[in-house]
Amino acid sequence: MSVAVGYVLTLAIGAAVLSGVVIGVGGVVDSQTDRAVHGELAVVGETTVANLESADRLARAAAVDRPDDAAPSNVSIAVDLPSQVAGRPYRIAVTNETVTLRTDDPDVRVAIPHAANVTEGSRSVRGGPLRIAYEGDAVDDPALEVTER
């Protein structure tokens, strides 16, 4: 066998091994990205739920303790959330039962239940700074609204 043939065979085998390693590492990186996004969404979701439930307790207390002739109660909480998780933008959807956070790439969804009373038809907002507010005078059932800041 000549030196040129040996050299070409060595390059071919090296290229095959290198491409196998790249493909294998790519799958591991994707899996780790999914885990990182899921973990960060869970943390952001728990923070959102904690603030939502705090605002709900404040709104209920303000409505119950308000005299009949007083102006309507207003509660507003500014929540500073990251605008991205693991370098990816995300959205937050708040319903009466859950706070759902999701990313599109990778497709990850995290739903966290809560006990707050949220306005029906609350919409999905971009991840980032939020405002959780209650404005009104409903003593029995104050409802919160979540908006982007």
C-alpha atoms as a PDB file:
ATOM      1  CA  MET A   1       0.000   0.000   0.000  1.00  0.00           C
ATOM      2  CA  SER A   2       1.348   3.396  -0.917  1.00  0.00           C
ATOM      3  CA  VAL A   3       1.720   6.366   1.405  1.00  0.00           C
ATOM      4  CA  ALA A   4      -0.972   8.324  -0.468  1.00  0.00           C
ATOM      5  CA  VAL A   5      -3.562   5.538  -0.079  1.00  0.00           C
ATOM      6  CA  GLY A   6      -2.765   5.223   3.647  1.00  0.00           C
ATOM      7  CA  TYR A   7      -3.075   8.983   4.050  1.00  0.00           C
ATOM      8  CA  VAL A   8      -6.464   9.065   2.287  1.00  0.00           C
ATOM      9  CA  LEU A   9      -7.751   6.128   4.363  1.00  0.00           C
ATOM     10  CA  THR A  10      -6.615   7.839   7.580  1.00  0.00           C
ATOM     11  CA  LEU A  11      -8.415  11.058   6.589  1.00  0.00           C
ATOM     12  CA  ALA A  12     -11.592   9.130   5.691  1.00  0.00           C
ATOM     13  CA  ILE A  13     -11.630   7.230   8.986  1.00  0.00           C
ATOM     14  CA  GLY A  14     -10.916  10.442  10.928  1.00  0.00           C
ATOM     15  CA  ALA A  15     -13.747  12.266   9.153  1.00  0.00           C
ATOM     16  CA  ALA A  16     -16.187   9.411   9.883  1.00  0.00           C
ATOM     17  CA  VAL A  17     -15.251   9.354  13.581  1.00  0.00           C
ATOM     18  CA  LEU A  18     -15.438  13.143  13.843  1.00  0.00           C
ATOM     19  CA  SER A  19     -18.873  13.303  12.215  1.00  0.00           C
ATOM     20  CA  GLY A  20     -20.154  10.584  14.583  1.00  0.00           C
ATOM     21  CA  VAL A  21     -18.905  12.559  17.585  1.00  0.00           C
ATOM     22  CA  VAL A  22     -20.497  15.780  16.295  1.00  0.00           C
ATOM     23  CA  ILE A  23     -23.847  14.065  15.752  1.00  0.00           C
ATOM     24  CA  GLY A  24     -23.708  12.427  19.191  1.00  0.00           C
ATOM     25  CA  VAL A  25     -22.782  15.660  20.974  1.00  0.00           C
ATOM     26  CA  GLY A  26     -25.525  17.552  19.104  1.00  0.00           C
ATOM     27  CA  GLY A  27     -28.177  15.283  20.632  1.00  0.00           C
ATOM     28  CA  VAL A  28     -26.744  15.772  24.115  1.00  0.00           C
ATOM     29  CA  VAL A  29     -26.697  19.550  23.688  1.00  0.00           C
ATOM     30  CA  ASP A  30     -30.335  19.565  22.534  1.00  0.00           C
ATOM     31  CA  SER A  31     -31.357  17.441  25.513  1.00  0.00           C
ATOM     32  CA  GLN A  32     -29.517  19.720  27.941  1.00  0.00           C
ATOM     33  CA  THR A  33     -31.110  22.796  26.342  1.00  0.00           C
ATOM     34  CA  ASP A  34     -34.583  21.285  26.817  1.00  0.00           C
ATOM     35  CA  ARG A  35     -33.811  20.581  30.473  1.00  0.00           C
ATOM     36  CA  ALA A  36     -32.412  24.064  31.055  1.00  0.00           C
ATOM     37  CA  VAL A  37     -35.434  25.728  29.441  1.00  0.00           C
ATOM     38  CA  HIS A  38     -37.849  23.531  31.424  1.00  0.00           C
ATOM     39  CA  GLY A  39     -36.066  24.281  34.698  1.00  0.00           C
ATOM     40  CA  GLU A  40     -35.943  28.025  34.115  1.00  0.00           C
ATOM     41  CA  LEU A  41     -39.597  28.125  33.030  1.00  0.00           C
ATOM     42  CA  ALA A  42     -40.541  26.310  36.240  1.00  0.00           C
ATOM     43  CA  VAL A  43     -38.670  28.867  38.373  1.00  0.00           C
ATOM     44  CA  VAL A  44     -40.184  31.830  36.505  1.00  0.00           C
ATOM     45  CA  GLY A  45     -43.619  30.204  36.752  1.00  0.00           C
ATOM     46  CA  GLU A  46     -43.329  29.723  40.511  1.00  0.00           C
ATOM     47  CA  THR A  47     -42.276  33.373  40.877  1.00  0.00           C
ATOM     48  CA  THR A  48     -45.251  34.474  38.790  1.00  0.00           C
ATOM     49  CA  VAL A  49     -47.661  32.327  40.825  1.00  0.00           C
ATOM     50  CA  ALA A  50     -46.267  33.652  44.129  1.00  0.00           C
ATOM     51  CA  ASN A  51     -46.746  37.253  42.987  1.00  0.00           C
ATOM     52  CA  LEU A  52     -50.194  36.519  41.549  1.00  0.00           C
ATOM     53  CA  GLU A  53     -51.374  34.950  44.801  1.00  0.00           C
ATOM     54  CA  SER A  54     -49.877  37.830  46.833  1.00  0.00           C
ATOM     55  CA  ALA A  55     -51.734  40.363  44.697  1.00  0.00           C
ATOM     56  CA  ASP A  56     -54.934  38.343  45.113  1.00  0.00           C
ATOM     57  CA  ARG A  57     -54.584  38.335  48.918  1.00  0.00           C
ATOM     58  CA  LEU A  58     -53.930  42.102  48.927  1.00  0.00           C
ATOM     59  CA  ALA A  59     -56.930  42.758  46.672  1.00  0.00           C
ATOM     60  CA  ARG A  60     -59.240  40.671  48.835  1.00  0.00           C
ATOM     61  CA  ALA A  61     -58.019  42.343  52.033  1.00  0.00           C
ATOM     62  CA  ALA A  62     -58.407  45.820  50.515  1.00  0.00           C
ATOM     63  CA  ALA A  63     -61.936  45.054  49.324  1.00  0.00           C
ATOM     64  CA  VAL A  64     -63.076  43.534  52.637  1.00  0.00           C
ATOM     65  CA  ASP A  65     -61.659  46.256  54.898  1.00  0.00           C
ATOM     66  CA  ARG A  66     -62.894  49.153  52.752  1.00  0.00           C
ATOM     67  CA  PRO A  67     -65.735  51.237  54.186  1.00  0.00           C
ATOM     68  CA  ASP A  68     -68.919  51.390  52.110  1.00  0.00           C
ATOM     69  CA  ASP A  69     -68.463  55.071  51.215  1.00  0.00           C
ATOM     70  CA  ALA A  70     -64.747  54.751  50.261  1.00  0.00           C
ATOM     71  CA  ALA A  71     -63.360  54.905  46.741  1.00  0.00           C
ATOM     72  CA  PRO A  72     -62.790  51.598  44.917  1.00  0.00           C
ATOM     73  CA  SER A  73     -59.687  49.620  45.902  1.00  0.00           C
ATOM     74  CA  ASN A  74     -56.670  49.419  43.634  1.00  0.00           C
ATOM     75  CA  VAL A  75     -53.812  46.935  43.938  1.00  0.00           C
ATOM     76  CA  SER A  76     -50.875  46.795  41.544  1.00  0.00           C
ATOM     77  CA  ILE A  77     -47.709  44.716  41.726  1.00  0.00           C
ATOM     78  CA  ALA A  78     -44.772  45.107  39.349  1.00  0.00           C
ATOM     79  CA  VAL A  79     -43.028  41.803  38.700  1.00  0.00           C
ATOM     80  CA  ASP A  80     -39.579  41.785  37.127  1.00  0.00           C
ATOM     81  CA  LEU A  81     -39.169  38.543  35.202  1.00  0.00           C
ATOM     82  CA  PRO A  82     -36.417  37.781  32.690  1.00  0.00           C
ATOM     83  CA  SER A  83     -37.343  38.407  29.066  1.00  0.00           C
ATOM     84  CA  GLN A  84     -35.664  35.136  28.028  1.00  0.00           C
ATOM     85  CA  VAL A  85     -34.966  31.733  29.549  1.00  0.00           C
ATOM     86  CA  ALA A  86     -31.847  29.875  28.422  1.00  0.00           C
ATOM     87  CA  GLY A  87     -31.521  32.473  25.657  1.00  0.00           C
ATOM     88  CA  ARG A  88     -35.030  31.867  24.313  1.00  0.00           C
ATOM     89  CA  PRO A  89     -38.100  34.131  24.438  1.00  0.00           C
ATOM     90  CA  TYR A  90     -41.178  32.738  26.165  1.00  0.00           C
ATOM     91  CA  ARG A  91     -44.855  33.521  26.721  1.00  0.00           C
ATOM     92  CA  ILE A  92     -46.995  33.409  29.853  1.00  0.00           C
ATOM     93  CA  ALA A  93     -50.697  32.530  29.766  1.00  0.00           C
ATOM     94  CA  VAL A  94     -52.689  33.094  32.964  1.00  0.00           C
ATOM     95  CA  THR A  95     -56.081  31.465  33.500  1.00  0.00           C
ATOM     96  CA  ASN A  96     -58.236  30.955  36.602  1.00  0.00           C
ATOM     97  CA  GLU A  97     -56.488  27.641  37.296  1.00  0.00           C
ATOM     98  CA  THR A  98     -52.927  27.800  35.981  1.00  0.00           C
ATOM     99  CA  VAL A  99     -50.012  29.891  34.872  1.00  0.00           C
ATOM    100  CA  THR A 100     -48.617  28.290  31.700  1.00  0.00           C
ATOM    101  CA  LEU A 101     -45.204  29.240  30.349  1.00  0.00           C
ATOM    102  CA  ARG A 102     -44.028  28.084  26.932  1.00  0.00           C
ATOM    103  CA  THR A 103     -41.241  28.429  24.412  1.00  0.00           C
ATOM    104  CA  ASP A 104     -41.456  27.585  20.731  1.00  0.00           C
ATOM    105  CA  ASP A 105     -37.844  26.481  20.113  1.00  0.00           C
ATOM    106  CA  PRO A 106     -37.547  24.047  21.805  1.00  0.00           C
ATOM    107  CA  ASP A 107     -41.247  23.322  22.293  1.00  0.00           C
ATOM    108  CA  VAL A 108     -41.451  23.282  26.104  1.00  0.00           C
ATOM    109  CA  ARG A 109     -44.537  23.978  28.229  1.00  0.00           C
ATOM    110  CA  VAL A 110     -44.761  24.257  32.009  1.00  0.00           C
ATOM    111  CA  ALA A 111     -48.130  24.645  33.781  1.00  0.00           C
ATOM    112  CA  ILE A 112     -48.259  25.658  37.443  1.00  0.00           C
ATOM    113  CA  PRO A 113     -51.573  25.701  39.339  1.00  0.00           C
ATOM    114  CA  HIS A 114     -52.523  28.699  41.471  1.00  0.00           C
ATOM    115  CA  ALA A 115     -55.295  29.738  43.852  1.00  0.00           C
ATOM    116  CA  ALA A 116     -55.718  33.370  42.742  1.00  0.00           C
ATOM    117  CA  ASN A 117     -58.866  34.759  41.127  1.00  0.00           C
ATOM    118  CA  VAL A 118     -57.906  36.011  37.665  1.00  0.00           C
ATOM    119  CA  THR A 119     -60.116  37.959  35.245  1.00  0.00           C
ATOM    120  CA  GLU A 120     -61.736  35.619  32.710  1.00  0.00           C
ATOM    121  CA  GLY A 121     -60.240  35.885  29.271  1.00  0.00           C
ATOM    122  CA  SER A 122     -56.813  36.973  30.489  1.00  0.00           C
ATOM    123  CA  ARG A 123     -54.510  36.825  27.537  1.00  0.00           C
ATOM    124  CA  SER A 124     -51.062  35.491  26.900  1.00  0.00           C
ATOM    125  CA  VAL A 125     -48.227  37.966  27.492  1.00  0.00           C
ATOM    126  CA  ARG A 126     -44.546  37.975  26.567  1.00  0.00           C
ATOM    127  CA  GLY A 127     -42.093  36.976  29.237  1.00  0.00           C
ATOM    128  CA  GLY A 128     -40.444  39.924  30.949  1.00  0.00           C
ATOM    129  CA  PRO A 129     -41.661  42.676  33.272  1.00  0.00           C
ATOM    130  CA  LEU A 130     -45.336  42.216  34.222  1.00  0.00           C
ATOM    131  CA  ARG A 131     -48.005  44.190  36.032  1.00  0.00           C
ATOM    132  CA  ILE A 132     -50.532  42.317  38.141  1.00  0.00           C
ATOM    133  CA  ALA A 133     -53.428  44.629  38.980  1.00  0.00           C
ATOM    134  CA  TYR A 134     -56.844  44.734  40.589  1.00  0.00           C
ATOM    135  CA  GLU A 135     -59.018  47.781  40.123  1.00  0.00           C
ATOM    136  CA  GLY A 136     -62.567  47.774  41.359  1.00  0.00           C
ATOM    137  CA  ASP A 137     -64.838  47.236  44.277  1.00  0.00           C
ATOM    138  CA  ALA A 138     -65.964  43.603  44.072  1.00  0.00           C
ATOM    139  CA  VAL A 139     -65.875  42.545  47.720  1.00  0.00           C
ATOM    140  CA  ASP A 140     -66.838  38.921  47.189  1.00  0.00           C
ATOM    141  CA  ASP A 141     -64.743  38.124  44.151  1.00  0.00           C
ATOM    142  CA  PRO A 142     -61.969  40.569  43.235  1.00  0.00           C
ATOM    143  CA  ALA A 143     -60.317  39.619  39.932  1.00  0.00           C
ATOM    144  CA  LEU A 144     -56.760  40.314  38.800  1.00  0.00           C
ATOM    145  CA  GLU A 145     -55.450  41.146  35.372  1.00  0.00           C
ATOM    146  CA  VAL A 146     -51.921  40.384  34.168  1.00  0.00           C
ATOM    147  CA  THR A 147     -50.389  42.709  31.553  1.00  0.00           C
ATOM    148  CA  GLU A 148     -46.974  43.493  30.120  1.00  0.00           C
ATOM    149  CA  ARG A 149     -45.147  46.531  31.470  1.00  0.00           C
END
